[in-house]
Amino acid sequence: MNKIILFAVILIVLFGLFTWSPWISKSYAENRVVSTFEEIQKEIIDGCGFNCSGCGVKESHKALFGYYVTIEYACGLLPWDSPEFHQVSEIFVSFLGTVHGL
């Protein structure tokens, strides 16, 4: 009986730790999203990037099991650099450090 209680307590502590995920900081999540995005786009000739006015990480906030990071970027050849041509995406960085939503 004591082993079952100990196992349940350990599971609850681990679940709480994964939910909180203190090892994923705001700066780590933002850098992970930017580097993953750039890695995906580097082989595409006319791909997407942050080389536009106001582009980059716009916002990030803690969530259960990780962070949500909002990025603004532009794709393709733009007639001029205007926010109407920019795209916004919300990307999730999990407690494992994996990036989801790109």
PDB file of N, CA and C in Angstrom:
ATOM      1  N   MET A   1       0.818  -1.199   0.000  1.00  0.00           N
ATOM      2  CA  MET A   1       0.000   0.000   0.000  1.00  0.00           C
ATOM      3  C   MET A   1       0.860   1.261   0.000  1.00  0.00           C
ATOM      4  N   ASN A   2       1.928   1.242   0.791  1.00  0.00           N
ATOM      5  CA  ASN A   2       2.811   2.404   0.862  1.00  0.00           C
ATOM      6  C   ASN A   2       3.501   2.672  -0.474  1.00  0.00           C
ATOM      7  N   LYS A   3       3.824   1.610  -1.209  1.00  0.00           N
ATOM      8  CA  LYS A   3       4.459   1.782  -2.516  1.00  0.00           C
ATOM      9  C   LYS A   3       3.508   2.439  -3.508  1.00  0.00           C
ATOM     10  N   ILE A   4       2.240   2.112  -3.423  1.00  0.00           N
ATOM     11  CA  ILE A   4       1.243   2.715  -4.317  1.00  0.00           C
ATOM     12  C   ILE A   4       1.102   4.199  -4.011  1.00  0.00           C
ATOM     13  N   ILE A   5       1.061   4.541  -2.733  1.00  0.00           N
ATOM     14  CA  ILE A   5       0.947   5.954  -2.339  1.00  0.00           C
ATOM     15  C   ILE A   5       2.193   6.715  -2.768  1.00  0.00           C
ATOM     16  N   LEU A   6       3.362   6.136  -2.552  1.00  0.00           N
ATOM     17  CA  LEU A   6       4.607   6.779  -2.959  1.00  0.00           C
ATOM     18  C   LEU A   6       4.643   6.980  -4.474  1.00  0.00           C
ATOM     19  N   PHE A   7       4.234   5.971  -5.215  1.00  0.00           N
ATOM     20  CA  PHE A   7       4.187   6.072  -6.676  1.00  0.00           C
ATOM     21  C   PHE A   7       3.223   7.171  -7.118  1.00  0.00           C
ATOM     22  N   ALA A   8       2.057   7.257  -6.477  1.00  0.00           N
ATOM     23  CA  ALA A   8       1.071   8.294  -6.814  1.00  0.00           C
ATOM     24  C   ALA A   8       1.615   9.685  -6.509  1.00  0.00           C
ATOM     25  N   VAL A   9       2.291   9.837  -5.391  1.00  0.00           N
ATOM     26  CA  VAL A   9       2.873  11.139  -5.029  1.00  0.00           C
ATOM     27  C   VAL A   9       3.949  11.532  -6.037  1.00  0.00           C
ATOM     28  N   ILE A  10       4.785  10.592  -6.420  1.00  0.00           N
ATOM     29  CA  ILE A  10       5.832  10.878  -7.407  1.00  0.00           C
ATOM     30  C   ILE A  10       5.214  11.281  -8.740  1.00  0.00           C
ATOM     31  N   LEU A  11       4.166  10.584  -9.162  1.00  0.00           N
ATOM     32  CA  LEU A  11       3.483  10.948 -10.411  1.00  0.00           C
ATOM     33  C   LEU A  11       2.886  12.348 -10.344  1.00  0.00           C
ATOM     34  N   ILE A  12       2.279  12.691  -9.225  1.00  0.00           N
ATOM     35  CA  ILE A  12       1.687  14.025  -9.071  1.00  0.00           C
ATOM     36  C   ILE A  12       2.768  15.097  -9.104  1.00  0.00           C
ATOM     37  N   VAL A  13       3.884  14.858  -8.439  1.00  0.00           N
ATOM     38  CA  VAL A  13       4.992  15.821  -8.438  1.00  0.00           C
ATOM     39  C   VAL A  13       5.557  15.980  -9.848  1.00  0.00           C
ATOM     40  N   LEU A  14       5.766  14.879 -10.552  1.00  0.00           N
ATOM     41  CA  LEU A  14       6.280  14.958 -11.922  1.00  0.00           C
ATOM     42  C   LEU A  14       5.305  15.675 -12.846  1.00  0.00           C
ATOM     43  N   PHE A  15       4.024  15.397 -12.718  1.00  0.00           N
ATOM     44  CA  PHE A  15       3.016  16.075 -13.530  1.00  0.00           C
ATOM     45  C   PHE A  15       3.034  17.576 -13.265  1.00  0.00           C
ATOM     46  N   GLY A  16       3.111  17.955 -11.995  1.00  0.00           N
ATOM     47  CA  GLY A  16       3.190  19.375 -11.645  1.00  0.00           C
ATOM     48  C   GLY A  16       4.452  20.022 -12.183  1.00  0.00           C
ATOM     49  N   LEU A  17       5.555  19.310 -12.126  1.00  0.00           N
ATOM     50  CA  LEU A  17       6.816  19.839 -12.639  1.00  0.00           C
ATOM     51  C   LEU A  17       6.764  20.015 -14.150  1.00  0.00           C
ATOM     52  N   PHE A  18       6.221  19.049 -14.874  1.00  0.00           N
ATOM     53  CA  PHE A  18       6.096  19.168 -16.329  1.00  0.00           C
ATOM     54  C   PHE A  18       5.130  20.276 -16.710  1.00  0.00           C
ATOM     55  N   THR A  19       4.061  20.432 -15.928  1.00  0.00           N
ATOM     56  CA  THR A  19       3.102  21.498 -16.197  1.00  0.00           C
ATOM     57  C   THR A  19       3.757  22.860 -16.016  1.00  0.00           C
ATOM     58  N   TRP A  20       4.538  23.008 -14.983  1.00  0.00           N
ATOM     59  CA  TRP A  20       5.205  24.270 -14.681  1.00  0.00           C
ATOM     60  C   TRP A  20       6.391  24.494 -15.612  1.00  0.00           C
ATOM     61  N   SER A  21       7.142  23.460 -15.918  1.00  0.00           N
ATOM     62  CA  SER A  21       8.330  23.461 -16.790  1.00  0.00           C
ATOM     63  C   SER A  21       9.242  24.671 -16.574  1.00  0.00           C
ATOM     64  N   PRO A  22       9.865  24.762 -15.390  1.00  0.00           N
ATOM     65  CA  PRO A  22      10.712  25.922 -15.086  1.00  0.00           C
ATOM     66  C   PRO A  22      11.985  25.993 -15.927  1.00  0.00           C
ATOM     67  N   TRP A  23      12.389  24.909 -16.566  1.00  0.00           N
ATOM     68  CA  TRP A  23      13.598  24.915 -17.385  1.00  0.00           C
ATOM     69  C   TRP A  23      13.372  25.568 -18.748  1.00  0.00           C
ATOM     70  N   ILE A  24      12.129  25.848 -19.113  1.00  0.00           N
ATOM     71  CA  ILE A  24      11.835  26.565 -20.357  1.00  0.00           C
ATOM     72  C   ILE A  24      11.596  28.027 -19.992  1.00  0.00           C
ATOM     73  N   SER A  25      12.593  28.862 -20.238  1.00  0.00           N
ATOM     74  CA  SER A  25      12.460  30.290 -19.933  1.00  0.00           C
ATOM     75  C   SER A  25      11.900  31.028 -21.146  1.00  0.00           C
ATOM     76  N   LYS A  26      11.511  32.264 -20.924  1.00  0.00           N
ATOM     77  CA  LYS A  26      10.962  33.084 -22.004  1.00  0.00           C
ATOM     78  C   LYS A  26      11.996  33.268 -23.116  1.00  0.00           C
ATOM     79  N   SER A  27      13.221  33.604 -22.747  1.00  0.00           N
ATOM     80  CA  SER A  27      14.256  33.832 -23.764  1.00  0.00           C
ATOM     81  C   SER A  27      14.598  32.538 -24.508  1.00  0.00           C
ATOM     82  N   TYR A  28      14.630  31.399 -23.799  1.00  0.00           N
ATOM     83  CA  TYR A  28      14.903  30.128 -24.460  1.00  0.00           C
ATOM     84  C   TYR A  28      13.820  29.813 -25.484  1.00  0.00           C
ATOM     85  N   ALA A  29      12.550  29.989 -25.092  1.00  0.00           N
ATOM     86  CA  ALA A  29      11.434  29.698 -26.001  1.00  0.00           C
ATOM     87  C   ALA A  29      11.487  30.597 -27.233  1.00  0.00           C
ATOM     88  N   GLU A  30      11.738  31.890 -27.035  1.00  0.00           N
ATOM     89  CA  GLU A  30      11.810  32.820 -28.166  1.00  0.00           C
ATOM     90  C   GLU A  30      12.960  32.463 -29.099  1.00  0.00           C
ATOM     91  N   ASN A  31      14.135  32.199 -28.536  1.00  0.00           N
ATOM     92  CA  ASN A  31      15.294  31.834 -29.362  1.00  0.00           C
ATOM     93  C   ASN A  31      15.071  30.514 -30.087  1.00  0.00           C
ATOM     94  N   ARG A  32      14.422  29.579 -29.434  1.00  0.00           N
ATOM     95  CA  ARG A  32      14.150  28.270 -30.052  1.00  0.00           C
ATOM     96  C   ARG A  32      13.211  28.411 -31.247  1.00  0.00           C
ATOM     97  N   VAL A  33      12.178  29.262 -31.114  1.00  0.00           N
ATOM     98  CA  VAL A  33      11.241  29.485 -32.216  1.00  0.00           C
ATOM     99  C   VAL A  33      11.942  30.166 -33.383  1.00  0.00           C
ATOM    100  N   VAL A  34      12.712  31.214 -33.105  1.00  0.00           N
ATOM    101  CA  VAL A  34      13.398  31.945 -34.179  1.00  0.00           C
ATOM    102  C   VAL A  34      14.390  31.039 -34.896  1.00  0.00           C
ATOM    103  N   SER A  35      15.190  30.286 -34.147  1.00  0.00           N
ATOM    104  CA  SER A  35      16.188  29.427 -34.795  1.00  0.00           C
ATOM    105  C   SER A  35      15.532  28.302 -35.595  1.00  0.00           C
ATOM    106  N   THR A  36      14.458  27.727 -35.090  1.00  0.00           N
ATOM    107  CA  THR A  36      13.751  26.675 -35.826  1.00  0.00           C
ATOM    108  C   THR A  36      13.106  27.231 -37.085  1.00  0.00           C
ATOM    109  N   PHE A  37      12.484  28.403 -36.984  1.00  0.00           N
ATOM    110  CA  PHE A  37      11.862  29.046 -38.141  1.00  0.00           C
ATOM    111  C   PHE A  37      12.909  29.327 -39.223  1.00  0.00           C
ATOM    112  N   GLU A  38      14.039  29.910 -38.825  1.00  0.00           N
ATOM    113  CA  GLU A  38      15.096  30.217 -39.792  1.00  0.00           C
ATOM    114  C   GLU A  38      15.692  28.949 -40.390  1.00  0.00           C
ATOM    115  N   GLU A  39      15.817  27.899 -39.604  1.00  0.00           N
ATOM    116  CA  GLU A  39      16.346  26.622 -40.103  1.00  0.00           C
ATOM    117  C   GLU A  39      15.419  26.028 -41.162  1.00  0.00           C
ATOM    118  N   ILE A  40      14.118  26.109 -40.935  1.00  0.00           N
ATOM    119  CA  ILE A  40      13.150  25.588 -41.904  1.00  0.00           C
ATOM    120  C   ILE A  40      13.192  26.387 -43.200  1.00  0.00           C
ATOM    121  N   GLN A  41      13.361  27.690 -43.109  1.00  0.00           N
ATOM    122  CA  GLN A  41      13.275  28.572 -44.270  1.00  0.00           C
ATOM    123  C   GLN A  41      14.591  28.743 -45.031  1.00  0.00           C
ATOM    124  N   LYS A  42      15.712  28.287 -44.491  1.00  0.00           N
ATOM    125  CA  LYS A  42      17.009  28.601 -45.104  1.00  0.00           C
ATOM    126  C   LYS A  42      17.208  27.981 -46.490  1.00  0.00           C
ATOM    127  N   GLU A  43      16.599  26.861 -46.786  1.00  0.00           N
ATOM    128  CA  GLU A  43      16.769  26.209 -48.084  1.00  0.00           C
ATOM    129  C   GLU A  43      15.754  26.674 -49.127  1.00  0.00           C
ATOM    130  N   ILE A  44      14.788  27.485 -48.712  1.00  0.00           N
ATOM    131  CA  ILE A  44      13.755  27.970 -49.625  1.00  0.00           C
ATOM    132  C   ILE A  44      14.229  29.280 -50.238  1.00  0.00           C
ATOM    133  N   ILE A  45      14.285  29.338 -51.559  1.00  0.00           N
ATOM    134  CA  ILE A  45      14.842  30.501 -52.249  1.00  0.00           C
ATOM    135  C   ILE A  45      14.060  31.771 -51.952  1.00  0.00           C
ATOM    136  N   ASP A  46      12.763  31.721 -52.065  1.00  0.00           N
ATOM    137  CA  ASP A  46      11.934  32.903 -51.838  1.00  0.00           C
ATOM    138  C   ASP A  46      11.024  32.650 -50.640  1.00  0.00           C
ATOM    139  N   GLY A  47      11.625  32.230 -49.544  1.00  0.00           N
ATOM    140  CA  GLY A  47      10.851  31.825 -48.377  1.00  0.00           C
ATOM    141  C   GLY A  47      10.479  32.983 -47.473  1.00  0.00           C
ATOM    142  N   CYS A  48      10.203  32.653 -46.254  1.00  0.00           N
ATOM    143  CA  CYS A  48       9.769  33.627 -45.260  1.00  0.00           C
ATOM    144  C   CYS A  48      10.945  34.017 -44.373  1.00  0.00           C
ATOM    145  N   GLY A  49      10.827  35.197 -43.759  1.00  0.00           N
ATOM    146  CA  GLY A  49      11.884  35.648 -42.872  1.00  0.00           C
ATOM    147  C   GLY A  49      11.461  36.827 -42.023  1.00  0.00           C
ATOM    148  N   PHE A  50      12.387  37.242 -41.174  1.00  0.00           N
ATOM    149  CA  PHE A  50      12.150  38.351 -40.258  1.00  0.00           C
ATOM    150  C   PHE A  50      12.766  39.649 -40.758  1.00  0.00           C
ATOM    151  N   ASN A  51      13.217  39.672 -42.013  1.00  0.00           N
ATOM    152  CA  ASN A  51      13.887  40.846 -42.570  1.00  0.00           C
ATOM    153  C   ASN A  51      12.849  41.846 -43.088  1.00  0.00           C
ATOM    154  N   CYS A  52      12.002  42.323 -42.196  1.00  0.00           N
ATOM    155  CA  CYS A  52      10.983  43.310 -42.544  1.00  0.00           C
ATOM    156  C   CYS A  52      10.750  44.204 -41.327  1.00  0.00           C
ATOM    157  N   SER A  53      10.178  45.339 -41.559  1.00  0.00           N
ATOM    158  CA  SER A  53       9.958  46.311 -40.496  1.00  0.00           C
ATOM    159  C   SER A  53       8.939  45.790 -39.482  1.00  0.00           C
ATOM    160  N   GLY A  54       9.343  45.708 -38.227  1.00  0.00           N
ATOM    161  CA  GLY A  54       8.446  45.253 -37.174  1.00  0.00           C
ATOM    162  C   GLY A  54       8.314  43.753 -37.058  1.00  0.00           C
ATOM    163  N   CYS A  55       9.094  43.008 -37.824  1.00  0.00           N
ATOM    164  CA  CYS A  55       8.985  41.546 -37.781  1.00  0.00           C
ATOM    165  C   CYS A  55       9.863  40.969 -36.677  1.00  0.00           C
ATOM    166  N   GLY A  56       9.541  39.765 -36.271  1.00  0.00           N
ATOM    167  CA  GLY A  56      10.270  39.073 -35.217  1.00  0.00           C
ATOM    168  C   GLY A  56       9.310  38.569 -34.163  1.00  0.00           C
ATOM    169  N   VAL A  57       9.827  38.382 -32.973  1.00  0.00           N
ATOM    170  CA  VAL A  57       8.995  37.925 -31.861  1.00  0.00           C
ATOM    171  C   VAL A  57       8.165  39.099 -31.369  1.00  0.00           C
ATOM    172  N   LYS A  58       6.867  38.920 -31.329  1.00  0.00           N
ATOM    173  CA  LYS A  58       5.962  39.988 -30.901  1.00  0.00           C
ATOM    174  C   LYS A  58       5.554  39.828 -29.442  1.00  0.00           C
ATOM    175  N   GLU A  59       5.334  38.601 -29.027  1.00  0.00           N
ATOM    176  CA  GLU A  59       4.831  38.354 -27.673  1.00  0.00           C
ATOM    177  C   GLU A  59       5.122  36.910 -27.303  1.00  0.00           C
ATOM    178  N   SER A  60       5.298  36.671 -26.028  1.00  0.00           N
ATOM    179  CA  SER A  60       5.415  35.294 -25.556  1.00  0.00           C
ATOM    180  C   SER A  60       4.834  35.218 -24.148  1.00  0.00           C
ATOM    181  N   HIS A  61       4.177  34.116 -23.871  1.00  0.00           N
ATOM    182  CA  HIS A  61       3.602  33.942 -22.541  1.00  0.00           C
ATOM    183  C   HIS A  61       3.626  32.471 -22.137  1.00  0.00           C
ATOM    184  N   LYS A  62       3.755  32.276 -20.838  1.00  0.00           N
ATOM    185  CA  LYS A  62       3.803  30.937 -20.260  1.00  0.00           C
ATOM    186  C   LYS A  62       2.435  30.277 -20.386  1.00  0.00           C
ATOM    187  N   ALA A  63       2.450  28.993 -20.675  1.00  0.00           N
ATOM    188  CA  ALA A  63       1.229  28.197 -20.762  1.00  0.00           C
ATOM    189  C   ALA A  63       1.493  26.860 -20.071  1.00  0.00           C
ATOM    190  N   LEU A  64       0.460  26.064 -19.929  1.00  0.00           N
ATOM    191  CA  LEU A  64       0.659  24.734 -19.369  1.00  0.00           C
ATOM    192  C   LEU A  64       1.579  23.934 -20.282  1.00  0.00           C
ATOM    193  N   PHE A  65       2.570  23.320 -19.717  1.00  0.00           N
ATOM    194  CA  PHE A  65       3.524  22.467 -20.428  1.00  0.00           C
ATOM    195  C   PHE A  65       4.426  23.221 -21.401  1.00  0.00           C
ATOM    196  N   GLY A  66       4.619  24.539 -21.258  1.00  0.00           N
ATOM    197  CA  GLY A  66       5.545  25.253 -22.131  1.00  0.00           C
ATOM    198  C   GLY A  66       5.249  26.724 -22.286  1.00  0.00           C
ATOM    199  N   TYR A  67       5.556  27.248 -23.472  1.00  0.00           N
ATOM    200  CA  TYR A  67       5.395  28.666 -23.808  1.00  0.00           C
ATOM    201  C   TYR A  67       4.717  28.807 -25.157  1.00  0.00           C
ATOM    202  N   TYR A  68       3.919  29.856 -25.299  1.00  0.00           N
ATOM    203  CA  TYR A  68       3.406  30.279 -26.600  1.00  0.00           C
ATOM    204  C   TYR A  68       4.196  31.504 -27.021  1.00  0.00           C
ATOM    205  N   VAL A  69       4.704  31.490 -28.248  1.00  0.00           N
ATOM    206  CA  VAL A  69       5.467  32.609 -28.796  1.00  0.00           C
ATOM    207  C   VAL A  69       4.772  33.075 -30.068  1.00  0.00           C
ATOM    208  N   THR A  70       4.483  34.368 -30.151  1.00  0.00           N
ATOM    209  CA  THR A  70       3.854  34.949 -31.335  1.00  0.00           C
ATOM    210  C   THR A  70       4.929  35.633 -32.167  1.00  0.00           C
ATOM    211  N   ILE A  71       5.005  35.263 -33.451  1.00  0.00           N
ATOM    212  CA  ILE A  71       5.995  35.862 -34.348  1.00  0.00           C
ATOM    213  C   ILE A  71       5.288  36.540 -35.519  1.00  0.00           C
ATOM    214  N   GLU A  72       5.949  37.568 -36.035  1.00  0.00           N
ATOM    215  CA  GLU A  72       5.478  38.246 -37.246  1.00  0.00           C
ATOM    216  C   GLU A  72       6.582  38.124 -38.284  1.00  0.00           C
ATOM    217  N   TYR A  73       6.205  37.770 -39.501  1.00  0.00           N
ATOM    218  CA  TYR A  73       7.182  37.550 -40.564  1.00  0.00           C
ATOM    219  C   TYR A  73       6.553  37.879 -41.907  1.00  0.00           C
ATOM    220  N   ALA A  74       7.394  37.950 -42.934  1.00  0.00           N
ATOM    221  CA  ALA A  74       6.913  38.200 -44.295  1.00  0.00           C
ATOM    222  C   ALA A  74       7.463  37.114 -45.209  1.00  0.00           C
ATOM    223  N   CYS A  75       6.704  36.804 -46.255  1.00  0.00           N
ATOM    224  CA  CYS A  75       7.093  35.756 -47.198  1.00  0.00           C
ATOM    225  C   CYS A  75       7.122  36.299 -48.623  1.00  0.00           C
ATOM    226  N   GLY A  76       8.057  35.781 -49.401  1.00  0.00           N
ATOM    227  CA  GLY A  76       8.123  36.122 -50.822  1.00  0.00           C
ATOM    228  C   GLY A  76       8.656  37.516 -51.078  1.00  0.00           C
ATOM    229  N   LEU A  77       8.601  37.895 -52.346  1.00  0.00           N
ATOM    230  CA  LEU A  77       9.018  39.239 -52.742  1.00  0.00           C
ATOM    231  C   LEU A  77       7.868  40.199 -52.483  1.00  0.00           C
ATOM    232  N   LEU A  78       8.133  41.210 -51.695  1.00  0.00           N
ATOM    233  CA  LEU A  78       7.101  42.173 -51.337  1.00  0.00           C
ATOM    234  C   LEU A  78       7.219  43.413 -52.215  1.00  0.00           C
ATOM    235  N   PRO A  79       6.087  43.978 -52.672  1.00  0.00           N
ATOM    236  CA  PRO A  79       6.150  45.212 -53.449  1.00  0.00           C
ATOM    237  C   PRO A  79       6.734  46.353 -52.612  1.00  0.00           C
ATOM    238  N   TRP A  80       6.401  46.387 -51.340  1.00  0.00           N
ATOM    239  CA  TRP A  80       6.997  47.311 -50.385  1.00  0.00           C
ATOM    240  C   TRP A  80       6.771  46.718 -49.000  1.00  0.00           C
ATOM    241  N   ASP A  81       7.552  47.190 -48.051  1.00  0.00           N
ATOM    242  CA  ASP A  81       7.469  46.640 -46.705  1.00  0.00           C
ATOM    243  C   ASP A  81       6.322  47.300 -45.954  1.00  0.00           C
ATOM    244  N   SER A  82       5.194  46.645 -45.960  1.00  0.00           N
ATOM    245  CA  SER A  82       4.002  47.150 -45.298  1.00  0.00           C
ATOM    246  C   SER A  82       3.427  46.046 -44.411  1.00  0.00           C
ATOM    247  N   PRO A  83       2.919  46.399 -43.241  1.00  0.00           N
ATOM    248  CA  PRO A  83       2.352  45.381 -42.346  1.00  0.00           C
ATOM    249  C   PRO A  83       1.207  44.574 -42.960  1.00  0.00           C
ATOM    250  N   GLU A  84       0.577  45.094 -43.993  1.00  0.00           N
ATOM    251  CA  GLU A  84      -0.515  44.335 -44.613  1.00  0.00           C
ATOM    252  C   GLU A  84      -0.018  43.063 -45.298  1.00  0.00           C
ATOM    253  N   PHE A  85       1.277  43.009 -45.619  1.00  0.00           N
ATOM    254  CA  PHE A  85       1.858  41.822 -46.251  1.00  0.00           C
ATOM    255  C   PHE A  85       2.469  40.857 -45.228  1.00  0.00           C
ATOM    256  N   HIS A  86       2.490  41.233 -43.959  1.00  0.00           N
ATOM    257  CA  HIS A  86       3.096  40.401 -42.923  1.00  0.00           C
ATOM    258  C   HIS A  86       2.118  39.329 -42.455  1.00  0.00           C
ATOM    259  N   GLN A  87       2.675  38.256 -41.942  1.00  0.00           N
ATOM    260  CA  GLN A  87       1.876  37.168 -41.380  1.00  0.00           C
ATOM    261  C   GLN A  87       2.231  37.017 -39.905  1.00  0.00           C
ATOM    262  N   VAL A  88       1.270  36.588 -39.121  1.00  0.00           N
ATOM    263  CA  VAL A  88       1.473  36.385 -37.687  1.00  0.00           C
ATOM    264  C   VAL A  88       1.109  34.940 -37.352  1.00  0.00           C
ATOM    265  N   SER A  89       1.981  34.286 -36.590  1.00  0.00           N
ATOM    266  CA  SER A  89       1.728  32.904 -36.169  1.00  0.00           C
ATOM    267  C   SER A  89       2.010  32.768 -34.683  1.00  0.00           C
ATOM    268  N   GLU A  90       1.241  31.906 -34.043  1.00  0.00           N
ATOM    269  CA  GLU A  90       1.480  31.587 -32.640  1.00  0.00           C
ATOM    270  C   GLU A  90       2.060  30.180 -32.574  1.00  0.00           C
ATOM    271  N   ILE A  91       3.252  30.071 -32.019  1.00  0.00           N
ATOM    272  CA  ILE A  91       4.013  28.830 -31.991  1.00  0.00           C
ATOM    273  C   ILE A  91       4.129  28.363 -30.541  1.00  0.00           C
ATOM    274  N   PHE A  92       4.049  27.053 -30.327  1.00  0.00           N
ATOM    275  CA  PHE A  92       4.150  26.485 -28.985  1.00  0.00           C
ATOM    276  C   PHE A  92       5.490  25.791 -28.812  1.00  0.00           C
ATOM    277  N   VAL A  93       6.164  26.078 -27.703  1.00  0.00           N
ATOM    278  CA  VAL A  93       7.395  25.379 -27.327  1.00  0.00           C
ATOM    279  C   VAL A  93       7.055  24.529 -26.108  1.00  0.00           C
ATOM    280  N   SER A  94       7.184  23.218 -26.257  1.00  0.00           N
ATOM    281  CA  SER A  94       6.772  22.299 -25.194  1.00  0.00           C
ATOM    282  C   SER A  94       7.826  22.211 -24.096  1.00  0.00           C
ATOM    283  N   PHE A  95       7.477  21.537 -23.015  1.00  0.00           N
ATOM    284  CA  PHE A  95       8.408  21.353 -21.899  1.00  0.00           C
ATOM    285  C   PHE A  95       9.614  20.511 -22.297  1.00  0.00           C
ATOM    286  N   LEU A  96       9.526  19.826 -23.423  1.00  0.00           N
ATOM    287  CA  LEU A  96      10.665  19.061 -23.944  1.00  0.00           C
ATOM    288  C   LEU A  96      11.576  19.910 -24.821  1.00  0.00           C
ATOM    289  N   GLY A  97      11.158  21.149 -25.128  1.00  0.00           N
ATOM    290  CA  GLY A  97      11.936  22.027 -25.993  1.00  0.00           C
ATOM    291  C   GLY A  97      11.599  21.871 -27.457  1.00  0.00           C
ATOM    292  N   THR A  98      10.569  21.102 -27.779  1.00  0.00           N
ATOM    293  CA  THR A  98      10.169  20.934 -29.174  1.00  0.00           C
ATOM    294  C   THR A  98       9.249  22.073 -29.595  1.00  0.00           C
ATOM    295  N   VAL A  99       9.335  22.434 -30.874  1.00  0.00           N
ATOM    296  CA  VAL A  99       8.573  23.554 -31.420  1.00  0.00           C
ATOM    297  C   VAL A  99       7.422  22.998 -32.248  1.00  0.00           C
ATOM    298  N   HIS A 100       6.213  23.494 -31.992  1.00  0.00           N
ATOM    299  CA  HIS A 100       5.012  23.013 -32.675  1.00  0.00           C
ATOM    300  C   HIS A 100       4.257  24.188 -33.275  1.00  0.00           C
ATOM    301  N   GLY A 101       3.843  24.049 -34.531  1.00  0.00           N
ATOM    302  CA  GLY A 101       3.034  25.073 -35.168  1.00  0.00           C
ATOM    303  C   GLY A 101       3.723  25.776 -36.311  1.00  0.00           C
ATOM    304  N   LEU A 102       4.907  25.311 -36.689  1.00  0.00           N
ATOM    305  CA  LEU A 102       5.603  25.911 -37.835  1.00  0.00           C
ATOM    306  C   LEU A 102       5.359  25.086 -39.066  1.00  0.00           C
TER     307      LEU A 102
END
